[in-house]
Amino acid sequence: MKKFLYSLLFLFVISPVWAVVGLPADPPRIEARAWMLLDASSGQVLAARNEDQKLAPASLTKMMTAYVVFEAIKSGKLKSGQNLKVSERAASAAGARMFARVGQEIKLDDLLMALIVQSGNDAALVLAEGVAGSEEAFVGMMNAQAKKLGLDSTRFANATGHSQPDHYSSARDMTRLANWMIQSFPQQYKRYYAQREFTFNGVTQQNRNRLLWLDPQVDGVKTGYTSAAGYCLVASAERGKRRLIATVMGARSEVDRGMHAQKLLNYGFLETESLRYYRAGQAVARIPVYKGSSRELPIGFLKDFSLTTQKGVSSRIKAQVITEQPYIAPLKKGQVMGTLRLTLDGETLGHYPLVALNDVPVAGWFGRFWDGLRLLWK
């Protein structure tokens, strides 16, 4: 196999592998057990500490509770206009509550508002029982969804976030879950997570995410607190077309968690920039194909990709496309065909797969015969 190099400029990166290279050297000082800042546009981790440490997530858990409920609505298991009945167990839930009464039938929309805005544990149990029949069965669905989403440092033991030894997650997983939520259910995210207050049974409760008042670009997502977890917050903000997600776990106070999340968001927006360099399906390079119905094949990426860097360094990003030839049909769309090597000022940032952008079926017998001769001459 022969290797071929194609020089390119101003490309992208989609992996957090080089999060230090090309980014500001000094992220803000965050006083918490674990934290992480994600650029949702590029999928790149901009800064983090102890991001994979397994910690008690407190009511950040309810992001997954909501996610599973949204999936149930999407699949038709729940209807958006239906009511759910409050069980004795749900009505007696400890901690934050919406003050649901035993036997009361509550609109699904109100339950979701109470879950997300008020962090109601009773709402979480009503929803869990409505979807799966019991909290225990619902927790099984939560863990199955966590596995499906690749949340490898997460295990749930309840739907509310109450501290248990076998109930844990990480800053990375909570950040990724928030990102999945925003991408998978954008309408629901917009409806519920930016609400500052909700009134039920004559009781008005405010959202504990104080950044909803302090930063007009913040539109979610969830707070949490237990004595074991400390003060936790996942916050997301969108400025222009760029979205960042900041997670703080184990802060000392409610004020601290908001302050540190705001620091991370400001750092990301002010010190870095994210640009889209290739659209989904746009050819990065074209490679020759033998014994196929086409003589060449465009290679690139099946999704939009962006690059996040420290402001002012993007013009110094260079790249090479590396391929190993010859390529012989049949070839399938999505098949890895080469590698993109990125460098900044001569330092390698990473290697990223380039895939076939379309199928190449085999040629007729004459085309195969002729290309066979061509291969012998190479």
Protein backbone atom coordinates (compact mmCIF):
# COMPACT_ATOMS: atom_id res chain seq x y z
CA MET A 1 0.00 0.00 0.00
CA LYS A 2 1.26 3.47 -0.85
CA LYS A 3 0.69 6.47 1.38
CA PHE A 4 -0.34 9.79 -0.15
CA LEU A 5 -0.37 13.17 1.57
CA TYR A 6 -2.60 16.11 0.69
CA SER A 7 -1.85 19.48 2.30
CA LEU A 8 -4.80 21.52 3.54
CA LEU A 9 -5.36 24.60 5.69
CA PHE A 10 -7.82 25.74 8.34
CA LEU A 11 -9.45 22.46 9.20
CA PHE A 12 -11.25 21.25 12.29
CA VAL A 13 -10.95 19.04 15.29
CA ILE A 14 -13.75 17.09 16.95
CA SER A 15 -11.96 15.38 19.82
CA PRO A 16 -10.97 16.62 23.27
CA VAL A 17 -7.61 14.86 22.91
CA TRP A 18 -5.81 18.14 22.22
CA ALA A 19 -7.86 20.28 24.57
CA VAL A 20 -4.65 21.87 25.95
CA VAL A 21 -3.01 22.52 22.58
CA GLY A 22 -4.46 25.52 20.78
CA LEU A 23 -6.51 26.66 23.78
CA PRO A 24 -5.74 29.29 26.44
CA ALA A 25 -3.22 27.93 28.94
CA ASP A 26 -4.94 29.17 32.09
CA PRO A 27 -8.63 28.33 32.56
CA PRO A 28 -10.34 29.99 35.52
CA ARG A 29 -9.81 28.67 39.03
CA ILE A 30 -12.81 26.59 40.01
CA GLU A 31 -13.30 25.45 43.61
CA ALA A 32 -15.33 22.27 43.27
CA ARG A 33 -14.75 18.52 43.37
CA ALA A 34 -15.10 18.21 39.61
CA TRP A 35 -15.96 20.42 36.68
CA MET A 36 -16.00 20.54 32.91
CA LEU A 37 -16.63 23.00 30.07
CA LEU A 38 -17.83 21.68 26.70
CA ASP A 39 -18.20 23.46 23.38
CA ALA A 40 -21.34 21.80 22.07
CA SER A 41 -20.68 23.14 18.57
CA SER A 42 -17.47 21.16 18.11
CA GLY A 43 -17.87 18.52 20.80
CA GLN A 44 -14.57 19.66 22.27
CA VAL A 45 -13.74 19.80 25.96
CA LEU A 46 -12.32 23.26 26.61
CA ALA A 47 -11.28 22.74 30.23
CA ALA A 48 -11.90 20.16 32.93
CA ARG A 49 -10.76 18.77 36.28
CA ASN A 50 -11.62 15.38 37.80
CA GLU A 51 -14.20 15.08 35.03
CA ASP A 52 -14.34 11.27 35.20
CA GLN A 53 -14.47 10.97 38.99
CA LYS A 54 -17.60 9.15 40.15
CA LEU A 55 -19.59 11.46 42.42
CA ALA A 56 -23.08 11.77 43.85
CA PRO A 57 -25.06 13.78 41.25
CA ALA A 58 -27.97 14.83 43.49
CA SER A 59 -30.85 16.26 41.42
CA LEU A 60 -28.75 16.44 38.27
CA THR A 61 -30.20 12.92 38.11
CA LYS A 62 -33.49 14.45 37.03
CA MET A 63 -32.00 15.30 33.63
CA MET A 64 -32.09 11.57 32.91
CA THR A 65 -35.54 11.25 34.50
CA ALA A 66 -36.78 13.88 32.06
CA TYR A 67 -34.87 12.32 29.15
CA VAL A 68 -36.57 8.95 29.66
CA VAL A 69 -39.97 10.64 29.93
CA PHE A 70 -39.34 12.55 26.70
CA GLU A 71 -38.43 9.25 25.04
CA ALA A 72 -41.68 7.75 26.30
CA ILE A 73 -43.65 10.63 24.80
CA LYS A 74 -41.75 10.30 21.53
CA SER A 75 -42.51 6.58 21.33
CA GLY A 76 -46.19 7.08 22.13
CA LYS A 77 -46.04 5.35 25.49
CA LEU A 78 -47.19 8.61 27.06
CA LYS A 79 -49.49 11.16 25.45
CA SER A 80 -48.60 14.82 25.84
CA GLY A 81 -52.10 15.74 27.04
CA GLN A 82 -52.69 12.90 29.47
CA ASN A 83 -52.95 12.99 33.25
CA LEU A 84 -51.02 10.79 35.69
CA LYS A 85 -52.33 9.73 39.09
CA VAL A 86 -50.36 10.42 42.26
CA SER A 87 -49.61 7.35 44.35
CA GLU A 88 -49.21 7.34 48.12
CA ARG A 89 -45.50 6.68 47.70
CA ALA A 90 -45.07 9.64 45.35
CA ALA A 91 -47.09 12.00 47.56
CA SER A 92 -44.93 11.15 50.57
CA ALA A 93 -41.61 11.82 48.80
CA ALA A 94 -39.09 13.67 50.94
CA GLY A 95 -37.07 16.71 49.91
CA ALA A 96 -38.04 19.20 47.20
CA ARG A 97 -41.70 18.77 46.22
CA MET A 98 -44.47 20.12 44.01
CA PHE A 99 -46.93 19.26 46.83
CA ALA A 100 -48.91 16.68 44.88
CA ARG A 101 -51.74 14.99 46.81
CA VAL A 102 -52.58 11.29 46.93
CA GLY A 103 -55.07 10.37 44.21
CA GLN A 104 -54.68 13.68 42.41
CA GLU A 105 -54.51 13.47 38.62
CA ILE A 106 -51.94 15.87 37.23
CA LYS A 107 -51.26 16.92 33.66
CA LEU A 108 -48.07 15.52 32.18
CA ASP A 109 -46.95 19.04 31.27
CA ASP A 110 -47.34 20.20 34.89
CA LEU A 111 -45.39 17.20 36.15
CA LEU A 112 -42.51 17.98 33.80
CA MET A 113 -42.54 21.63 34.85
CA ALA A 114 -42.44 20.57 38.49
CA LEU A 115 -39.66 18.05 37.85
CA ILE A 116 -37.43 20.49 35.99
CA VAL A 117 -38.24 23.90 37.49
CA GLN A 118 -39.10 22.94 41.08
CA SER A 119 -36.95 19.78 41.17
CA GLY A 120 -39.95 18.00 42.68
CA ASN A 121 -39.17 14.52 43.98
CA ASP A 122 -42.88 13.72 44.08
CA ALA A 123 -43.13 14.72 40.40
CA ALA A 124 -40.19 12.43 39.59
CA LEU A 125 -41.93 9.46 41.22
CA VAL A 126 -45.29 10.14 39.55
CA LEU A 127 -43.54 10.28 36.17
CA ALA A 128 -41.47 7.16 36.87
CA GLU A 129 -44.55 5.18 37.87
CA GLY A 130 -46.50 6.53 34.91
CA VAL A 131 -43.87 5.40 32.42
CA ALA A 132 -42.73 2.09 33.91
CA GLY A 133 -45.23 1.13 36.63
CA SER A 134 -42.68 1.50 39.42
CA GLU A 135 -39.61 3.55 40.25
CA GLU A 136 -37.50 0.39 40.23
CA ALA A 137 -38.50 -0.47 36.66
CA PHE A 138 -37.99 3.14 35.60
CA VAL A 139 -34.47 3.13 37.05
CA GLY A 140 -33.73 0.17 34.81
CA MET A 141 -34.78 2.32 31.85
CA MET A 142 -32.57 5.15 33.08
CA ASN A 143 -29.53 2.88 33.25
CA ALA A 144 -30.29 1.38 29.85
CA GLN A 145 -30.46 4.89 28.39
CA ALA A 146 -27.21 5.87 30.10
CA LYS A 147 -25.51 2.86 28.50
CA LYS A 148 -26.99 3.75 25.11
CA LEU A 149 -25.66 7.31 25.38
CA GLY A 150 -22.19 6.11 26.39
CA LEU A 151 -22.30 7.47 29.94
CA ASP A 152 -19.73 5.00 31.22
CA SER A 153 -19.21 6.54 34.68
CA THR A 154 -22.90 6.64 35.56
CA ARG A 155 -25.24 4.37 37.48
CA PHE A 156 -28.65 5.33 38.79
CA ALA A 157 -30.40 3.78 41.80
CA ASN A 158 -33.41 6.12 41.92
CA ALA A 159 -35.26 8.71 39.84
CA THR A 160 -34.86 11.63 42.25
CA GLY A 161 -31.15 11.91 43.02
CA HIS A 162 -31.25 10.86 46.66
CA SER A 163 -27.79 9.76 47.74
CA GLN A 164 -27.12 6.02 47.67
CA PRO A 165 -23.77 4.19 47.44
CA ASP A 166 -24.65 2.75 44.03
CA HIS A 167 -25.98 6.03 42.61
CA TYR A 168 -23.25 8.06 40.92
CA SER A 169 -22.14 9.94 37.83
CA SER A 170 -19.33 12.24 36.68
CA ALA A 171 -18.93 15.79 35.43
CA ARG A 172 -18.21 14.44 31.95
CA ASP A 173 -21.32 12.27 31.88
CA MET A 174 -23.62 14.98 33.23
CA THR A 175 -22.26 17.41 30.63
CA ARG A 176 -22.77 14.88 27.86
CA LEU A 177 -26.27 14.08 29.08
CA ALA A 178 -27.20 17.76 28.96
CA ASN A 179 -25.80 17.95 25.44
CA TRP A 180 -27.80 14.88 24.38
CA MET A 181 -30.92 16.45 25.90
CA ILE A 182 -30.47 19.69 23.98
CA GLN A 183 -29.77 17.91 20.70
CA SER A 184 -32.41 15.19 20.98
CA PHE A 185 -35.29 17.23 22.42
CA PRO A 186 -34.73 20.88 21.48
CA GLN A 187 -38.41 21.88 21.75
CA GLN A 188 -38.83 20.33 25.18
CA TYR A 189 -35.55 21.83 26.32
CA LYS A 190 -36.66 25.29 25.26
CA ARG A 191 -40.08 24.93 26.89
CA TYR A 192 -39.05 23.62 30.30
CA TYR A 193 -35.45 24.38 31.18
CA ALA A 194 -35.47 28.17 30.81
CA GLN A 195 -38.53 28.66 33.05
CA ARG A 196 -37.70 30.79 36.10
CA GLU A 197 -40.69 29.73 38.19
CA PHE A 198 -43.71 27.44 38.26
CA THR A 199 -46.92 27.53 40.27
CA PHE A 200 -48.85 24.42 41.31
CA ASN A 201 -51.52 23.94 43.99
CA GLY A 202 -51.23 27.65 44.70
CA VAL A 203 -47.54 27.42 45.55
CA THR A 204 -45.03 29.30 43.39
CA GLN A 205 -41.46 28.04 43.45
CA GLN A 206 -38.49 29.53 41.64
CA ASN A 207 -35.93 27.69 39.58
CA ARG A 208 -32.78 27.24 41.65
CA ASN A 209 -30.59 27.93 38.62
CA ARG A 210 -29.79 31.56 39.44
CA LEU A 211 -27.92 32.05 36.19
CA LEU A 212 -31.31 32.26 34.48
CA TRP A 213 -31.60 35.69 36.13
CA LEU A 214 -27.96 36.77 35.88
CA ASP A 215 -27.11 35.87 32.26
CA PRO A 216 -29.74 36.31 29.52
CA GLN A 217 -27.92 33.79 27.31
CA VAL A 218 -28.28 30.98 29.89
CA ASP A 219 -31.28 28.79 29.06
CA GLY A 220 -30.85 25.79 31.42
CA VAL A 221 -30.23 23.15 32.61
CA LYS A 222 -30.31 21.68 36.19
CA THR A 223 -29.21 22.18 39.78
CA GLY A 224 -28.68 19.65 42.54
CA TYR A 225 -27.78 19.45 46.20
CA THR A 226 -27.38 16.82 48.90
CA SER A 227 -24.98 16.77 51.81
CA ALA A 228 -23.05 13.99 50.05
CA ALA A 229 -22.99 15.67 46.64
CA GLY A 230 -22.47 19.27 47.66
CA TYR A 231 -23.83 21.98 45.38
CA CYS A 232 -24.05 20.97 41.72
CA LEU A 233 -25.03 22.79 38.54
CA VAL A 234 -25.10 22.08 34.84
CA ALA A 235 -25.55 25.37 32.98
CA SER A 236 -25.82 26.00 29.26
CA ALA A 237 -25.68 29.25 27.33
CA GLU A 238 -25.98 30.15 23.67
CA ARG A 239 -24.37 33.26 22.24
CA GLY A 240 -24.91 33.70 18.55
CA LYS A 241 -24.87 30.21 17.08
CA ARG A 242 -22.44 28.85 19.64
CA ARG A 243 -23.47 26.82 22.69
CA LEU A 244 -21.34 26.00 25.73
CA ILE A 245 -22.20 23.68 28.61
CA ALA A 246 -20.54 24.06 32.02
CA THR A 247 -20.83 21.51 34.82
CA VAL A 248 -19.79 22.08 38.43
CA MET A 249 -20.09 19.25 40.97
CA GLY A 250 -19.36 19.49 44.68
CA ALA A 251 -19.19 23.27 45.12
CA ARG A 252 -19.33 24.72 48.63
CA SER A 253 -22.51 26.77 48.31
CA GLU A 254 -25.37 27.71 46.03
CA VAL A 255 -23.63 31.01 45.28
CA ASP A 256 -20.34 29.26 44.49
CA ARG A 257 -21.83 26.80 42.02
CA GLY A 258 -23.44 29.61 40.03
CA MET A 259 -20.34 31.80 40.19
CA HIS A 260 -18.03 29.02 39.01
CA ALA A 261 -20.35 27.93 36.20
CA GLN A 262 -20.55 31.56 35.05
CA LYS A 263 -16.75 31.81 35.14
CA LEU A 264 -16.46 28.79 32.89
CA LEU A 265 -19.03 30.07 30.41
CA ASN A 266 -17.40 33.51 30.24
CA TYR A 267 -13.97 31.95 29.78
CA GLY A 268 -15.22 29.84 26.90
CA PHE A 269 -17.01 32.63 25.09
CA LEU A 270 -14.40 35.35 25.66
CA GLU A 271 -11.14 33.41 25.25
CA THR A 272 -11.99 30.86 22.54
CA GLU A 273 -13.74 30.75 19.21
CA SER A 274 -15.46 27.98 17.30
CA LEU A 275 -15.78 27.96 13.52
CA ARG A 276 -17.36 25.44 11.18
CA TYR A 277 -14.94 24.50 8.43
CA TYR A 278 -16.67 21.60 6.70
CA ARG A 279 -20.31 20.87 6.09
CA ALA A 280 -21.69 17.37 6.20
CA GLY A 281 -20.94 15.71 2.87
CA GLN A 282 -18.42 18.31 1.72
CA ALA A 283 -15.38 16.76 0.04
CA VAL A 284 -12.09 17.26 1.88
CA ALA A 285 -10.21 15.37 -0.84
CA ARG A 286 -10.84 13.05 -3.79
CA ILE A 287 -9.06 9.72 -4.15
CA PRO A 288 -8.69 7.41 -7.18
CA VAL A 289 -10.72 4.19 -7.22
CA TYR A 290 -9.97 1.01 -9.18
CA LYS A 291 -12.44 -1.54 -10.59
CA GLY A 292 -15.37 0.72 -9.73
CA SER A 293 -18.19 2.45 -11.57
CA SER A 294 -16.49 5.76 -10.68
CA ARG A 295 -12.86 6.68 -11.16
CA GLU A 296 -12.65 8.79 -8.02
CA LEU A 297 -14.32 9.05 -4.64
CA PRO A 298 -14.90 12.17 -2.49
CA ILE A 299 -13.92 11.68 1.16
CA GLY A 300 -14.81 13.83 4.14
CA PHE A 301 -17.26 13.80 7.06
CA LEU A 302 -20.88 12.77 7.40
CA LYS A 303 -21.66 15.51 9.95
CA ASP A 304 -20.77 19.19 10.25
CA PHE A 305 -17.49 19.72 12.04
CA SER A 306 -16.07 22.71 13.81
CA LEU A 307 -12.77 23.74 15.33
CA THR A 308 -12.47 25.43 18.71
CA THR A 309 -9.24 27.26 19.45
CA GLN A 310 -7.88 30.15 21.40
CA LYS A 311 -8.88 33.32 19.61
CA GLY A 312 -6.41 34.32 16.93
CA VAL A 313 -4.70 30.97 16.25
CA SER A 314 -7.07 29.38 13.72
CA SER A 315 -5.07 30.69 10.75
CA ARG A 316 -2.08 28.67 11.95
CA ILE A 317 -3.89 25.34 11.83
CA LYS A 318 -2.61 23.12 9.02
CA ALA A 319 -3.60 19.66 7.93
CA GLN A 320 -2.64 16.75 5.75
CA VAL A 321 -4.90 14.09 4.32
CA ILE A 322 -3.17 10.71 4.49
CA THR A 323 -4.46 7.83 2.37
CA GLU A 324 -3.19 4.33 1.67
CA GLN A 325 -3.78 3.38 -1.95
CA PRO A 326 -4.95 1.65 -4.07
CA TYR A 327 -8.64 1.57 -3.22
CA ILE A 328 -10.60 -1.14 -5.00
CA ALA A 329 -14.39 -1.23 -5.42
CA PRO A 330 -16.88 -2.00 -4.02
CA LEU A 331 -16.69 0.81 -1.45
CA LYS A 332 -19.46 1.85 0.93
CA LYS A 333 -20.54 5.27 2.14
CA GLY A 334 -19.17 5.82 5.65
CA GLN A 335 -16.24 3.46 5.13
CA VAL A 336 -12.99 4.89 6.52
CA MET A 337 -10.76 5.83 3.60
CA GLY A 338 -8.06 8.03 5.08
CA THR A 339 -6.85 10.12 7.97
CA LEU A 340 -6.67 13.83 8.63
CA ARG A 341 -3.56 14.96 10.51
CA LEU A 342 -3.87 18.34 12.19
CA THR A 343 -0.97 20.47 13.38
CA LEU A 344 -0.60 23.84 15.09
CA ASP A 345 2.77 25.50 14.62
CA GLY A 346 4.22 22.12 13.72
CA GLU A 347 2.86 20.30 16.78
CA THR A 348 0.50 17.41 16.10
CA LEU A 349 -3.01 17.99 17.36
CA GLY A 350 -4.50 14.65 16.37
CA HIS A 351 -5.47 12.20 13.64
CA TYR A 352 -9.12 11.93 12.52
CA PRO A 353 -10.82 9.49 10.14
CA LEU A 354 -12.09 10.55 6.72
CA VAL A 355 -14.89 8.46 5.25
CA ALA A 356 -16.37 7.74 1.83
CA LEU A 357 -19.12 10.22 1.02
CA ASN A 358 -20.92 7.86 -1.36
CA ASP A 359 -20.98 4.25 -2.56
CA VAL A 360 -18.83 3.03 -5.43
CA PRO A 361 -20.22 -0.21 -6.93
CA VAL A 362 -18.00 -2.53 -8.96
CA ALA A 363 -17.53 -1.84 -12.65
CA GLY A 364 -18.45 -4.20 -15.48
CA TRP A 365 -16.12 -7.01 -16.52
CA PHE A 366 -14.15 -4.86 -18.97
CA GLY A 367 -13.60 -2.08 -16.42
CA ARG A 368 -12.42 -4.59 -13.84
CA PHE A 369 -10.10 -6.23 -16.40
CA TRP A 370 -8.63 -2.91 -17.53
CA ASP A 371 -8.06 -1.66 -13.99
CA GLY A 372 -6.45 -4.98 -13.14
CA LEU A 373 -3.88 -4.25 -15.84
CA ARG A 374 -3.42 -0.71 -14.54
CA LEU A 375 -2.71 -2.05 -11.07
CA LEU A 376 -0.05 -4.36 -12.47
CA TRP A 377 1.68 -1.36 -14.07
CA LYS A 378 1.72 0.70 -10.81
